[in-house]
Amino acid sequence: MRRRNFGLRAGTGVLAAAALTALVTGCGIRTTSVPVDAGAAPSRVPCSVTGESSSASAAQGVPVRVFLVCGSQLEAVDRRTPLPEEKAGGDPVVTAKGLLAQLLADPSDDERQAGFTTAVRGPLVVGGGHKGDPTGTLRLSRQPEDLTPVALSQIVCTFSASSAGAGDHTVLLGGPGPYAPKRYQCTTELRERPESNPPTAVPSVSVATPTG
């Protein structure tokens, strides 16, 4: 009797498993014993703003390009600076001041909806180099190393892509102290991973003409 009951229970389990398999197959779902990698979830952050951003303080002005953070990377955004055109392109320090103001500004509504943010925080100003600095040096009111890596990456990529840069996607940047400036470079790897420290190179030996 015990063997017969055991056989009935085993037969019932087999029939139940067969019925479940038929139900799953009938619903169009294929059973598999191997885990399926469906890939990463698609990002819903567009990282693209239609037209030029209106976050600048004036609707009219000179078109400029700044690098903001979006999707853990740096992406270029077109804006307008209120600086006069003859000053915006002719004086690297004036250009750098206008670009830094753009990086310090809060993203516009369109930029925020597209996923853009900025890691650059004030108080922070930029000016020209010290006596004896290489030509084209810019000096921040804080040591570049004291900024967050993302903020410094934004500044390096924004400055180096403008007339404030030193050419070859680089910018000569220093702080308020007596330390020598460094030539920071904006690379593809840096734009993809702005949390890393911007690469540096030896500054040019050309020195600014002493004043006074």
N, C-alpha and C. Protein backbone atom coordinates (compact mmCIF):
# COMPACT_ATOMS: atom_id res chain seq x y z
N MET A 1 0.82 -1.21 0.00
CA MET A 1 0.00 0.00 0.00
C MET A 1 0.87 1.28 0.00
N ARG A 2 1.90 1.23 0.80
CA ARG A 2 2.74 2.43 0.86
C ARG A 2 3.41 2.71 -0.48
N ARG A 3 3.86 1.63 -1.15
CA ARG A 3 4.50 1.82 -2.45
C ARG A 3 3.50 2.35 -3.46
N ARG A 4 2.26 1.85 -3.41
CA ARG A 4 1.25 2.29 -4.37
C ARG A 4 0.94 3.77 -4.15
N ASN A 5 0.81 4.23 -2.89
CA ASN A 5 0.52 5.64 -2.63
C ASN A 5 1.68 6.53 -3.09
N PHE A 6 2.88 6.03 -2.88
CA PHE A 6 4.04 6.82 -3.34
C PHE A 6 4.05 6.98 -4.85
N GLY A 7 3.66 5.91 -5.56
CA GLY A 7 3.59 5.99 -7.01
C GLY A 7 2.52 6.94 -7.47
N LEU A 8 1.39 6.97 -6.76
CA LEU A 8 0.32 7.91 -7.14
C LEU A 8 0.78 9.35 -6.95
N ARG A 9 1.45 9.59 -5.81
CA ARG A 9 1.92 10.97 -5.57
C ARG A 9 2.96 11.40 -6.61
N ALA A 10 3.86 10.49 -6.94
CA ALA A 10 4.87 10.82 -7.95
C ALA A 10 4.24 11.08 -9.30
N GLY A 11 3.24 10.27 -9.65
CA GLY A 11 2.55 10.48 -10.93
C GLY A 11 1.82 11.79 -10.95
N THR A 12 1.22 12.16 -9.82
CA THR A 12 0.51 13.45 -9.74
C THR A 12 1.48 14.61 -9.93
N GLY A 13 2.70 14.51 -9.33
CA GLY A 13 3.69 15.58 -9.48
C GLY A 13 4.14 15.73 -10.92
N VAL A 14 4.33 14.62 -11.62
CA VAL A 14 4.74 14.69 -13.03
C VAL A 14 3.68 15.35 -13.86
N LEU A 15 2.41 14.98 -13.63
CA LEU A 15 1.31 15.58 -14.40
C LEU A 15 1.21 17.08 -14.14
N ALA A 16 1.42 17.49 -12.86
CA ALA A 16 1.34 18.92 -12.54
C ALA A 16 2.46 19.69 -13.23
N ALA A 17 3.67 19.12 -13.24
CA ALA A 17 4.79 19.79 -13.91
C ALA A 17 4.56 19.90 -15.40
N ALA A 18 3.98 18.85 -16.00
CA ALA A 18 3.69 18.88 -17.43
C ALA A 18 2.64 19.93 -17.75
N ALA A 19 1.63 20.04 -16.90
CA ALA A 19 0.58 21.05 -17.11
C ALA A 19 1.14 22.45 -17.01
N LEU A 20 2.07 22.70 -16.02
CA LEU A 20 2.67 24.02 -15.87
C LEU A 20 3.52 24.37 -17.08
N THR A 21 4.28 23.40 -17.59
CA THR A 21 5.10 23.65 -18.78
C THR A 21 4.25 24.00 -19.98
N ALA A 22 3.12 23.29 -20.14
CA ALA A 22 2.22 23.58 -21.26
C ALA A 22 1.62 24.96 -21.13
N LEU A 23 1.32 25.39 -19.87
CA LEU A 23 0.73 26.70 -19.66
C LEU A 23 1.73 27.80 -20.02
N VAL A 24 3.00 27.63 -19.57
CA VAL A 24 4.01 28.63 -19.87
C VAL A 24 4.29 28.72 -21.35
N THR A 25 4.38 27.53 -22.01
CA THR A 25 4.63 27.51 -23.45
C THR A 25 3.48 28.13 -24.22
N GLY A 26 2.26 27.90 -23.76
CA GLY A 26 1.09 28.46 -24.44
C GLY A 26 1.04 29.96 -24.36
N CYS A 27 1.70 30.54 -23.31
CA CYS A 27 1.71 32.00 -23.19
C CYS A 27 2.82 32.63 -24.00
N GLY A 28 3.59 31.81 -24.74
CA GLY A 28 4.64 32.36 -25.60
C GLY A 28 5.94 32.60 -24.87
N ILE A 29 6.11 32.05 -23.64
CA ILE A 29 7.33 32.24 -22.87
C ILE A 29 8.16 30.99 -22.97
N ARG A 30 9.38 31.12 -23.43
CA ARG A 30 10.26 29.98 -23.56
C ARG A 30 11.01 29.78 -22.26
N THR A 31 10.98 28.58 -21.74
CA THR A 31 11.70 28.27 -20.52
C THR A 31 13.15 28.02 -20.84
N THR A 32 14.03 28.43 -19.92
CA THR A 32 15.47 28.23 -20.10
C THR A 32 16.12 28.07 -18.75
N SER A 33 17.15 27.30 -18.70
CA SER A 33 17.90 27.11 -17.47
C SER A 33 19.14 27.98 -17.41
N VAL A 34 19.35 28.80 -18.46
CA VAL A 34 20.52 29.66 -18.54
C VAL A 34 20.10 31.10 -18.31
N PRO A 35 20.75 31.83 -17.36
CA PRO A 35 20.38 33.25 -17.14
C PRO A 35 20.59 34.06 -18.40
N VAL A 36 19.65 34.94 -18.68
CA VAL A 36 19.70 35.78 -19.89
C VAL A 36 20.09 37.19 -19.50
N ASP A 37 21.13 37.72 -20.14
CA ASP A 37 21.57 39.08 -19.90
C ASP A 37 20.88 40.01 -20.89
N ALA A 38 19.94 40.78 -20.37
CA ALA A 38 19.18 41.69 -21.24
C ALA A 38 19.91 43.00 -21.47
N GLY A 39 21.10 43.15 -20.84
CA GLY A 39 21.85 44.38 -21.02
C GLY A 39 21.41 45.44 -20.03
N ALA A 40 22.14 46.55 -20.02
CA ALA A 40 21.82 47.64 -19.10
C ALA A 40 20.54 48.33 -19.51
N ALA A 41 19.86 48.87 -18.49
CA ALA A 41 18.62 49.59 -18.76
C ALA A 41 18.93 50.83 -19.59
N PRO A 42 18.14 51.15 -20.60
CA PRO A 42 18.42 52.31 -21.44
C PRO A 42 18.32 53.60 -20.65
N SER A 43 19.26 54.53 -20.90
CA SER A 43 19.27 55.80 -20.20
C SER A 43 18.16 56.70 -20.72
N ARG A 44 17.50 57.39 -19.79
CA ARG A 44 16.43 58.30 -20.17
C ARG A 44 16.91 59.75 -20.20
N VAL A 45 18.22 59.95 -20.03
CA VAL A 45 18.79 61.29 -20.05
C VAL A 45 19.22 61.62 -21.47
N PRO A 46 18.60 62.61 -22.11
CA PRO A 46 18.92 62.90 -23.52
C PRO A 46 20.27 63.58 -23.71
N CYS A 47 20.74 64.39 -22.71
CA CYS A 47 22.01 65.11 -22.82
C CYS A 47 22.07 65.92 -24.11
N SER A 48 20.98 66.52 -24.47
CA SER A 48 20.92 67.34 -25.67
C SER A 48 19.89 68.43 -25.49
N VAL A 49 20.29 69.67 -25.79
CA VAL A 49 19.40 70.82 -25.67
C VAL A 49 19.15 71.36 -27.07
N THR A 50 17.89 71.53 -27.42
CA THR A 50 17.54 72.06 -28.73
C THR A 50 17.83 73.55 -28.79
N GLY A 51 18.67 73.95 -29.73
CA GLY A 51 19.01 75.35 -29.85
C GLY A 51 19.99 75.76 -28.78
N GLU A 52 20.22 77.05 -28.63
CA GLU A 52 21.16 77.56 -27.64
C GLU A 52 20.45 77.74 -26.32
N SER A 53 21.20 77.49 -25.23
CA SER A 53 20.63 77.60 -23.90
C SER A 53 20.31 79.04 -23.56
N SER A 54 19.27 79.23 -22.78
CA SER A 54 18.88 80.58 -22.36
C SER A 54 19.31 80.85 -20.93
N SER A 55 20.25 80.06 -20.37
CA SER A 55 20.66 80.25 -18.99
C SER A 55 21.57 81.45 -18.81
N ALA A 56 22.12 81.96 -19.90
CA ALA A 56 22.95 83.15 -19.79
C ALA A 56 22.09 84.32 -19.36
N SER A 57 22.75 85.32 -18.78
CA SER A 57 22.01 86.45 -18.22
C SER A 57 21.37 87.32 -19.29
N ALA A 58 21.79 87.15 -20.53
CA ALA A 58 21.22 87.96 -21.60
C ALA A 58 20.91 87.07 -22.79
N ALA A 59 19.79 87.39 -23.44
CA ALA A 59 19.40 86.59 -24.60
C ALA A 59 20.32 86.87 -25.78
N GLN A 60 20.89 88.06 -25.81
CA GLN A 60 21.80 88.42 -26.88
C GLN A 60 23.22 88.37 -26.37
N GLY A 61 24.14 88.12 -27.24
CA GLY A 61 25.53 88.05 -26.83
C GLY A 61 26.33 87.19 -27.78
N VAL A 62 27.55 86.91 -27.40
CA VAL A 62 28.47 86.14 -28.22
C VAL A 62 28.28 84.65 -27.94
N PRO A 63 28.13 83.83 -28.98
CA PRO A 63 28.00 82.38 -28.75
C PRO A 63 29.28 81.80 -28.13
N VAL A 64 29.11 81.01 -27.09
CA VAL A 64 30.23 80.32 -26.45
C VAL A 64 29.82 78.88 -26.21
N ARG A 65 30.81 78.06 -25.92
CA ARG A 65 30.55 76.65 -25.63
C ARG A 65 31.19 76.29 -24.29
N VAL A 66 30.39 75.71 -23.41
CA VAL A 66 30.88 75.29 -22.10
C VAL A 66 30.59 73.80 -21.93
N PHE A 67 31.35 73.18 -21.05
CA PHE A 67 31.19 71.75 -20.78
C PHE A 67 30.50 71.56 -19.44
N LEU A 68 29.33 70.90 -19.48
CA LEU A 68 28.57 70.58 -18.29
C LEU A 68 28.57 69.07 -18.08
N VAL A 69 28.10 68.67 -16.91
CA VAL A 69 28.04 67.25 -16.57
C VAL A 69 26.68 66.70 -16.96
N CYS A 70 26.69 65.56 -17.65
CA CYS A 70 25.45 64.89 -18.02
C CYS A 70 25.74 63.40 -18.19
N GLY A 71 24.98 62.57 -17.48
CA GLY A 71 25.18 61.14 -17.58
C GLY A 71 26.58 60.72 -17.17
N SER A 72 27.16 61.38 -16.14
CA SER A 72 28.49 61.07 -15.62
C SER A 72 29.60 61.37 -16.62
N GLN A 73 29.30 62.18 -17.64
CA GLN A 73 30.30 62.59 -18.61
C GLN A 73 30.22 64.09 -18.82
N LEU A 74 31.19 64.63 -19.54
CA LEU A 74 31.16 66.05 -19.91
C LEU A 74 30.62 66.18 -21.32
N GLU A 75 29.62 67.05 -21.47
CA GLU A 75 29.02 67.30 -22.77
C GLU A 75 29.03 68.80 -23.03
N ALA A 76 29.28 69.17 -24.29
CA ALA A 76 29.33 70.58 -24.66
C ALA A 76 27.92 71.15 -24.80
N VAL A 77 27.74 72.37 -24.31
CA VAL A 77 26.47 73.08 -24.39
C VAL A 77 26.73 74.46 -24.98
N ASP A 78 25.94 74.86 -25.95
CA ASP A 78 26.07 76.18 -26.55
C ASP A 78 25.27 77.20 -25.74
N ARG A 79 25.95 78.29 -25.41
CA ARG A 79 25.31 79.39 -24.68
C ARG A 79 25.71 80.72 -25.31
N ARG A 80 25.22 81.79 -24.72
CA ARG A 80 25.62 83.13 -25.17
C ARG A 80 26.10 83.93 -23.97
N THR A 81 27.23 84.60 -24.14
CA THR A 81 27.78 85.45 -23.09
C THR A 81 27.47 86.90 -23.42
N PRO A 82 27.16 87.71 -22.41
CA PRO A 82 26.86 89.12 -22.68
C PRO A 82 28.09 89.96 -22.98
N LEU A 83 29.29 89.35 -23.01
CA LEU A 83 30.50 90.13 -23.28
C LEU A 83 30.47 90.70 -24.70
N PRO A 84 30.97 91.91 -24.89
CA PRO A 84 31.07 92.45 -26.25
C PRO A 84 31.94 91.56 -27.11
N GLU A 85 31.59 91.43 -28.37
CA GLU A 85 32.28 90.50 -29.26
C GLU A 85 33.75 90.83 -29.41
N GLU A 86 34.09 92.13 -29.44
CA GLU A 86 35.49 92.49 -29.64
C GLU A 86 36.35 92.13 -28.44
N LYS A 87 35.75 92.03 -27.24
CA LYS A 87 36.50 91.64 -26.06
C LYS A 87 36.48 90.13 -25.85
N ALA A 88 35.38 89.50 -26.21
CA ALA A 88 35.23 88.08 -25.95
C ALA A 88 36.27 87.25 -26.68
N GLY A 89 36.66 87.66 -27.91
CA GLY A 89 37.61 86.87 -28.67
C GLY A 89 39.02 87.40 -28.64
N GLY A 90 39.24 88.62 -28.16
CA GLY A 90 40.56 89.23 -28.23
C GLY A 90 41.37 89.12 -26.96
N ASP A 91 40.75 89.03 -25.79
CA ASP A 91 41.46 89.00 -24.51
C ASP A 91 41.20 87.67 -23.83
N PRO A 92 42.22 86.81 -23.70
CA PRO A 92 42.02 85.50 -23.09
C PRO A 92 41.47 85.58 -21.66
N VAL A 93 41.91 86.58 -20.91
CA VAL A 93 41.44 86.70 -19.52
C VAL A 93 39.96 87.07 -19.50
N VAL A 94 39.57 87.99 -20.36
CA VAL A 94 38.15 88.38 -20.43
C VAL A 94 37.31 87.19 -20.88
N THR A 95 37.81 86.44 -21.86
CA THR A 95 37.10 85.25 -22.31
C THR A 95 36.96 84.24 -21.18
N ALA A 96 38.05 84.02 -20.43
CA ALA A 96 38.01 83.07 -19.33
C ALA A 96 37.02 83.50 -18.25
N LYS A 97 36.95 84.79 -17.97
CA LYS A 97 36.01 85.29 -16.97
C LYS A 97 34.57 85.04 -17.41
N GLY A 98 34.28 85.28 -18.69
CA GLY A 98 32.94 85.04 -19.19
C GLY A 98 32.57 83.57 -19.16
N LEU A 99 33.52 82.70 -19.51
CA LEU A 99 33.25 81.27 -19.50
C LEU A 99 33.06 80.75 -18.07
N LEU A 100 33.88 81.23 -17.14
CA LEU A 100 33.73 80.80 -15.75
C LEU A 100 32.38 81.22 -15.18
N ALA A 101 31.92 82.42 -15.55
CA ALA A 101 30.60 82.85 -15.12
C ALA A 101 29.52 81.91 -15.63
N GLN A 102 29.69 81.41 -16.84
CA GLN A 102 28.72 80.47 -17.40
C GLN A 102 28.75 79.14 -16.63
N LEU A 103 29.94 78.69 -16.25
CA LEU A 103 30.05 77.43 -15.52
C LEU A 103 29.48 77.56 -14.11
N LEU A 104 29.58 78.74 -13.53
CA LEU A 104 29.05 78.97 -12.19
C LEU A 104 27.53 79.14 -12.18
N ALA A 105 26.97 79.50 -13.33
CA ALA A 105 25.52 79.74 -13.40
C ALA A 105 24.75 78.43 -13.31
N ASP A 106 23.56 78.51 -12.72
CA ASP A 106 22.70 77.33 -12.66
C ASP A 106 22.23 76.97 -14.06
N PRO A 107 22.15 75.68 -14.36
CA PRO A 107 21.63 75.27 -15.68
C PRO A 107 20.20 75.79 -15.88
N SER A 108 19.87 76.07 -17.13
CA SER A 108 18.52 76.53 -17.45
C SER A 108 17.53 75.38 -17.28
N ASP A 109 16.25 75.71 -17.37
CA ASP A 109 15.22 74.67 -17.27
C ASP A 109 15.40 73.61 -18.36
N ASP A 110 15.68 74.06 -19.59
CA ASP A 110 15.89 73.11 -20.69
C ASP A 110 17.09 72.22 -20.42
N GLU A 111 18.16 72.80 -19.87
CA GLU A 111 19.35 72.02 -19.57
C GLU A 111 19.09 71.01 -18.46
N ARG A 112 18.37 71.43 -17.43
CA ARG A 112 18.07 70.50 -16.34
C ARG A 112 17.20 69.35 -16.82
N GLN A 113 16.22 69.66 -17.66
CA GLN A 113 15.37 68.60 -18.19
C GLN A 113 16.16 67.63 -19.07
N ALA A 114 17.21 68.14 -19.70
CA ALA A 114 18.06 67.28 -20.55
C ALA A 114 19.09 66.51 -19.73
N GLY A 115 19.17 66.80 -18.41
CA GLY A 115 20.07 66.06 -17.53
C GLY A 115 21.37 66.75 -17.20
N PHE A 116 21.52 68.05 -17.54
CA PHE A 116 22.78 68.74 -17.31
C PHE A 116 22.86 69.32 -15.90
N THR A 117 24.07 69.24 -15.32
CA THR A 117 24.38 69.87 -14.04
C THR A 117 25.78 70.47 -14.14
N THR A 118 26.17 71.23 -13.13
CA THR A 118 27.53 71.76 -13.07
C THR A 118 28.09 71.52 -11.68
N ALA A 119 29.37 71.15 -11.64
CA ALA A 119 30.05 70.93 -10.36
C ALA A 119 30.89 72.12 -9.95
N VAL A 120 30.94 73.16 -10.78
CA VAL A 120 31.73 74.35 -10.47
C VAL A 120 30.95 75.22 -9.49
N ARG A 121 31.56 75.53 -8.36
CA ARG A 121 30.91 76.29 -7.30
C ARG A 121 31.77 77.48 -6.89
N GLY A 122 31.11 78.58 -6.53
CA GLY A 122 31.80 79.76 -6.06
C GLY A 122 32.03 79.70 -4.56
N PRO A 123 32.74 80.69 -4.04
CA PRO A 123 33.35 81.80 -4.77
C PRO A 123 34.58 81.35 -5.56
N LEU A 124 34.63 81.79 -6.80
CA LEU A 124 35.75 81.43 -7.67
C LEU A 124 35.85 82.46 -8.78
N VAL A 125 37.04 83.03 -8.94
CA VAL A 125 37.28 84.01 -10.00
C VAL A 125 38.55 83.60 -10.74
N VAL A 126 38.75 84.17 -11.91
CA VAL A 126 39.92 83.88 -12.71
C VAL A 126 40.54 85.19 -13.16
N GLY A 127 41.86 85.21 -13.26
CA GLY A 127 42.58 86.40 -13.71
C GLY A 127 43.82 85.99 -14.49
N GLY A 128 44.65 86.98 -14.81
CA GLY A 128 45.85 86.72 -15.57
C GLY A 128 46.96 86.11 -14.73
N GLY A 129 48.06 85.78 -15.40
CA GLY A 129 49.18 85.14 -14.72
C GLY A 129 50.00 86.10 -13.88
N HIS A 130 50.88 85.51 -13.05
CA HIS A 130 51.80 86.29 -12.24
C HIS A 130 53.02 86.69 -13.06
N LYS A 131 53.80 87.59 -12.52
CA LYS A 131 55.05 88.00 -13.16
C LYS A 131 55.96 86.79 -13.31
N GLY A 132 56.43 86.54 -14.53
CA GLY A 132 57.29 85.41 -14.79
C GLY A 132 56.56 84.16 -15.25
N ASP A 133 55.24 84.17 -15.22
CA ASP A 133 54.47 83.01 -15.71
C ASP A 133 54.59 82.89 -17.22
N PRO A 134 54.46 81.68 -17.77
CA PRO A 134 54.44 81.52 -19.23
C PRO A 134 53.30 82.33 -19.83
N THR A 135 53.49 82.77 -21.04
CA THR A 135 52.46 83.54 -21.74
C THR A 135 51.18 82.73 -21.86
N GLY A 136 50.05 83.37 -21.57
CA GLY A 136 48.76 82.70 -21.67
C GLY A 136 48.30 82.05 -20.39
N THR A 137 49.05 82.24 -19.29
CA THR A 137 48.67 81.63 -18.01
C THR A 137 47.43 82.30 -17.43
N LEU A 138 46.54 81.49 -16.91
CA LEU A 138 45.37 81.96 -16.17
C LEU A 138 45.51 81.51 -14.73
N ARG A 139 45.10 82.35 -13.80
CA ARG A 139 45.19 82.05 -12.38
C ARG A 139 43.80 82.09 -11.75
N LEU A 140 43.44 81.01 -11.06
CA LEU A 140 42.18 80.95 -10.32
C LEU A 140 42.39 81.47 -8.91
N SER A 141 41.31 81.87 -8.26
CA SER A 141 41.39 82.34 -6.89
C SER A 141 41.54 81.19 -5.89
N ARG A 142 41.48 79.96 -6.37
CA ARG A 142 41.75 78.78 -5.57
C ARG A 142 42.70 77.88 -6.35
N GLN A 143 43.50 77.11 -5.62
CA GLN A 143 44.40 76.18 -6.29
C GLN A 143 43.58 75.17 -7.08
N PRO A 144 43.95 74.90 -8.33
CA PRO A 144 43.19 73.93 -9.13
C PRO A 144 43.06 72.58 -8.43
N GLU A 145 44.10 72.18 -7.69
CA GLU A 145 44.05 70.88 -7.01
C GLU A 145 43.04 70.86 -5.87
N ASP A 146 42.64 72.04 -5.39
CA ASP A 146 41.66 72.11 -4.30
C ASP A 146 40.22 72.00 -4.79
N LEU A 147 40.02 72.12 -6.11
CA LEU A 147 38.69 71.95 -6.68
C LEU A 147 38.37 70.46 -6.78
N THR A 148 37.10 70.14 -6.87
CA THR A 148 36.74 68.74 -7.11
C THR A 148 37.21 68.36 -8.51
N PRO A 149 37.59 67.09 -8.73
CA PRO A 149 38.07 66.70 -10.05
C PRO A 149 37.07 67.02 -11.17
N VAL A 150 35.78 66.85 -10.90
CA VAL A 150 34.78 67.12 -11.94
C VAL A 150 34.75 68.61 -12.27
N ALA A 151 34.79 69.46 -11.24
CA ALA A 151 34.78 70.91 -11.48
C ALA A 151 36.01 71.34 -12.26
N LEU A 152 37.17 70.81 -11.88
CA LEU A 152 38.39 71.15 -12.61
C LEU A 152 38.33 70.65 -14.05
N SER A 153 37.78 69.48 -14.25
CA SER A 153 37.65 68.95 -15.61
C SER A 153 36.76 69.85 -16.45
N GLN A 154 35.66 70.36 -15.88
CA GLN A 154 34.79 71.28 -16.61
C GLN A 154 35.55 72.53 -17.02
N ILE A 155 36.30 73.09 -16.08
CA ILE A 155 37.03 74.33 -16.36
C ILE A 155 38.10 74.09 -17.42
N VAL A 156 38.85 73.00 -17.28
CA VAL A 156 39.93 72.70 -18.23
C VAL A 156 39.38 72.52 -19.64
N CYS A 157 38.32 71.74 -19.78
CA CYS A 157 37.77 71.48 -21.11
C CYS A 157 37.12 72.72 -21.71
N THR A 158 36.48 73.53 -20.86
CA THR A 158 35.83 74.75 -21.36
C THR A 158 36.87 75.78 -21.79
N PHE A 159 37.87 76.03 -20.96
CA PHE A 159 38.90 77.01 -21.29
C PHE A 159 39.72 76.57 -22.50
N SER A 160 40.12 75.29 -22.53
CA SER A 160 41.02 74.82 -23.58
C SER A 160 40.36 74.81 -24.95
N ALA A 161 39.02 74.79 -24.99
CA ALA A 161 38.30 74.81 -26.27
C ALA A 161 38.00 76.22 -26.75
N SER A 162 38.51 77.23 -26.05
CA SER A 162 38.23 78.62 -26.39
C SER A 162 39.53 79.37 -26.65
N SER A 163 39.41 80.67 -26.92
CA SER A 163 40.60 81.49 -27.12
C SER A 163 41.38 81.70 -25.83
N ALA A 164 40.83 81.28 -24.70
CA ALA A 164 41.55 81.35 -23.42
C ALA A 164 42.54 80.21 -23.28
N GLY A 165 42.45 79.21 -24.15
CA GLY A 165 43.33 78.05 -24.07
C GLY A 165 44.71 78.33 -24.63
N ALA A 166 45.59 77.34 -24.43
CA ALA A 166 46.98 77.47 -24.87
C ALA A 166 47.26 76.65 -26.12
N GLY A 167 46.20 76.18 -26.80
CA GLY A 167 46.36 75.38 -27.99
C GLY A 167 46.46 73.91 -27.69
N ASP A 168 46.13 73.10 -28.68
CA ASP A 168 46.20 71.64 -28.58
C ASP A 168 45.35 71.12 -27.42
N HIS A 169 44.18 71.71 -27.24
CA HIS A 169 43.23 71.30 -26.21
C HIS A 169 43.82 71.39 -24.82
N THR A 170 44.66 72.40 -24.58
CA THR A 170 45.27 72.59 -23.27
C THR A 170 45.01 74.00 -22.75
N VAL A 171 45.24 74.17 -21.44
CA VAL A 171 45.13 75.49 -20.82
C VAL A 171 46.18 75.57 -19.72
N LEU A 172 46.85 76.71 -19.64
CA LEU A 172 47.82 76.95 -18.57
C LEU A 172 47.07 77.53 -17.38
N LEU A 173 47.08 76.77 -16.29
CA LEU A 173 46.23 77.13 -15.16
C LEU A 173 47.01 77.04 -13.86
N GLY A 174 46.84 78.04 -13.02
CA GLY A 174 47.45 78.06 -11.71
C GLY A 174 46.49 78.60 -10.68
N GLY A 175 46.97 78.72 -9.45
CA GLY A 175 46.16 79.25 -8.36
C GLY A 175 46.71 80.57 -7.87
N PRO A 176 46.24 81.03 -6.71
CA PRO A 176 46.68 82.34 -6.22
C PRO A 176 48.07 82.31 -5.59
N GLY A 177 48.59 81.13 -5.26
CA GLY A 177 49.87 81.02 -4.59
C GLY A 177 51.05 81.12 -5.53
N PRO A 178 52.26 80.94 -4.97
CA PRO A 178 53.48 81.07 -5.78
C PRO A 178 53.81 79.83 -6.60
N TYR A 179 52.93 78.84 -6.59
CA TYR A 179 53.21 77.61 -7.32
C TYR A 179 53.15 77.85 -8.82
N ALA A 180 53.99 77.14 -9.55
CA ALA A 180 54.03 77.28 -11.01
C ALA A 180 52.74 76.76 -11.62
N PRO A 181 52.28 77.38 -12.70
CA PRO A 181 51.07 76.88 -13.37
C PRO A 181 51.34 75.55 -14.06
N LYS A 182 50.29 74.83 -14.33
CA LYS A 182 50.38 73.56 -15.04
C LYS A 182 49.61 73.63 -16.35
N ARG A 183 50.07 72.87 -17.33
CA ARG A 183 49.36 72.79 -18.60
C ARG A 183 48.41 71.59 -18.53
N TYR A 184 47.14 71.89 -18.34
CA TYR A 184 46.12 70.85 -18.26
C TYR A 184 45.57 70.56 -19.65
N GLN A 185 45.29 69.31 -19.91
CA GLN A 185 44.80 68.89 -21.23
C GLN A 185 43.42 68.26 -21.12
N CYS A 186 42.54 68.62 -22.06
CA CYS A 186 41.21 68.02 -22.14
C CYS A 186 41.25 66.91 -23.18
N THR A 187 41.14 65.69 -22.72
CA THR A 187 41.20 64.53 -23.61
C THR A 187 39.83 63.87 -23.70
N THR A 188 39.70 62.96 -24.65
CA THR A 188 38.46 62.20 -24.78
C THR A 188 38.21 61.39 -23.51
N GLU A 189 39.28 60.82 -22.95
CA GLU A 189 39.14 60.03 -21.73
C GLU A 189 38.65 60.89 -20.58
N LEU A 190 39.12 62.13 -20.50
CA LEU A 190 38.69 63.02 -19.42
C LEU A 190 37.23 63.39 -19.57
N ARG A 191 36.79 63.64 -20.79
CA ARG A 191 35.38 63.97 -21.00
C ARG A 191 34.48 62.78 -20.65
N GLU A 192 34.99 61.57 -20.87
CA GLU A 192 34.20 60.39 -20.54
C GLU A 192 34.24 60.05 -19.06
N ARG A 193 35.33 60.45 -18.40
CA ARG A 193 35.47 60.17 -16.96
C ARG A 193 35.98 61.43 -16.26
N PRO A 194 35.12 62.44 -16.11
CA PRO A 194 35.56 63.71 -15.53
C PRO A 194 35.92 63.63 -14.05
N GLU A 195 35.59 62.51 -13.40
CA GLU A 195 35.96 62.36 -11.99
C GLU A 195 37.43 62.05 -11.81
N SER A 196 38.12 61.76 -12.91
CA SER A 196 39.56 61.53 -12.85
C SER A 196 40.28 62.87 -12.94
N ASN A 197 41.54 62.90 -12.51
CA ASN A 197 42.30 64.15 -12.54
C ASN A 197 42.72 64.48 -13.97
N PRO A 198 42.56 65.73 -14.40
CA PRO A 198 42.98 66.11 -15.75
C PRO A 198 44.47 65.87 -15.95
N PRO A 199 44.86 65.31 -17.09
CA PRO A 199 46.29 65.10 -17.37
C PRO A 199 47.01 66.42 -17.53
N THR A 200 48.29 66.42 -17.16
CA THR A 200 49.10 67.64 -17.25
C THR A 200 50.34 67.38 -18.08
N ALA A 201 50.91 68.47 -18.58
CA ALA A 201 52.16 68.41 -19.33
C ALA A 201 53.03 69.56 -18.86
N VAL A 202 54.29 69.55 -19.24
CA VAL A 202 55.21 70.61 -18.83
C VAL A 202 54.84 71.89 -19.57
N PRO A 203 54.67 73.02 -18.84
CA PRO A 203 54.32 74.27 -19.51
C PRO A 203 55.39 74.72 -20.49
N SER A 204 54.97 75.52 -21.44
CA SER A 204 55.91 76.07 -22.42
C SER A 204 56.94 76.96 -21.73
N VAL A 205 58.14 77.03 -22.32
CA VAL A 205 59.21 77.83 -21.71
C VAL A 205 59.06 79.32 -22.03
N SER A 206 58.15 79.69 -22.92
CA SER A 206 57.98 81.11 -23.25
C SER A 206 57.42 81.82 -22.05
N VAL A 207 58.05 82.91 -21.67
CA VAL A 207 57.70 83.63 -20.46
C VAL A 207 57.12 84.98 -20.82
N ALA A 208 56.15 85.41 -20.05
CA ALA A 208 55.53 86.70 -20.27
C ALA A 208 56.54 87.80 -19.97
N THR A 209 56.39 88.91 -20.68
CA THR A 209 57.29 90.03 -20.46
C THR A 209 57.04 90.63 -19.10
N PRO A 210 58.07 90.76 -18.23
CA PRO A 210 57.88 91.34 -16.90
C PRO A 210 57.34 92.75 -17.00
N THR A 211 56.51 93.11 -16.04
CA THR A 211 55.96 94.45 -15.98
C THR A 211 56.47 95.16 -14.74
N GLY A 212 56.62 96.43 -14.84
CA GLY A 212 57.07 97.19 -13.69
C GLY A 212 58.54 96.96 -13.46
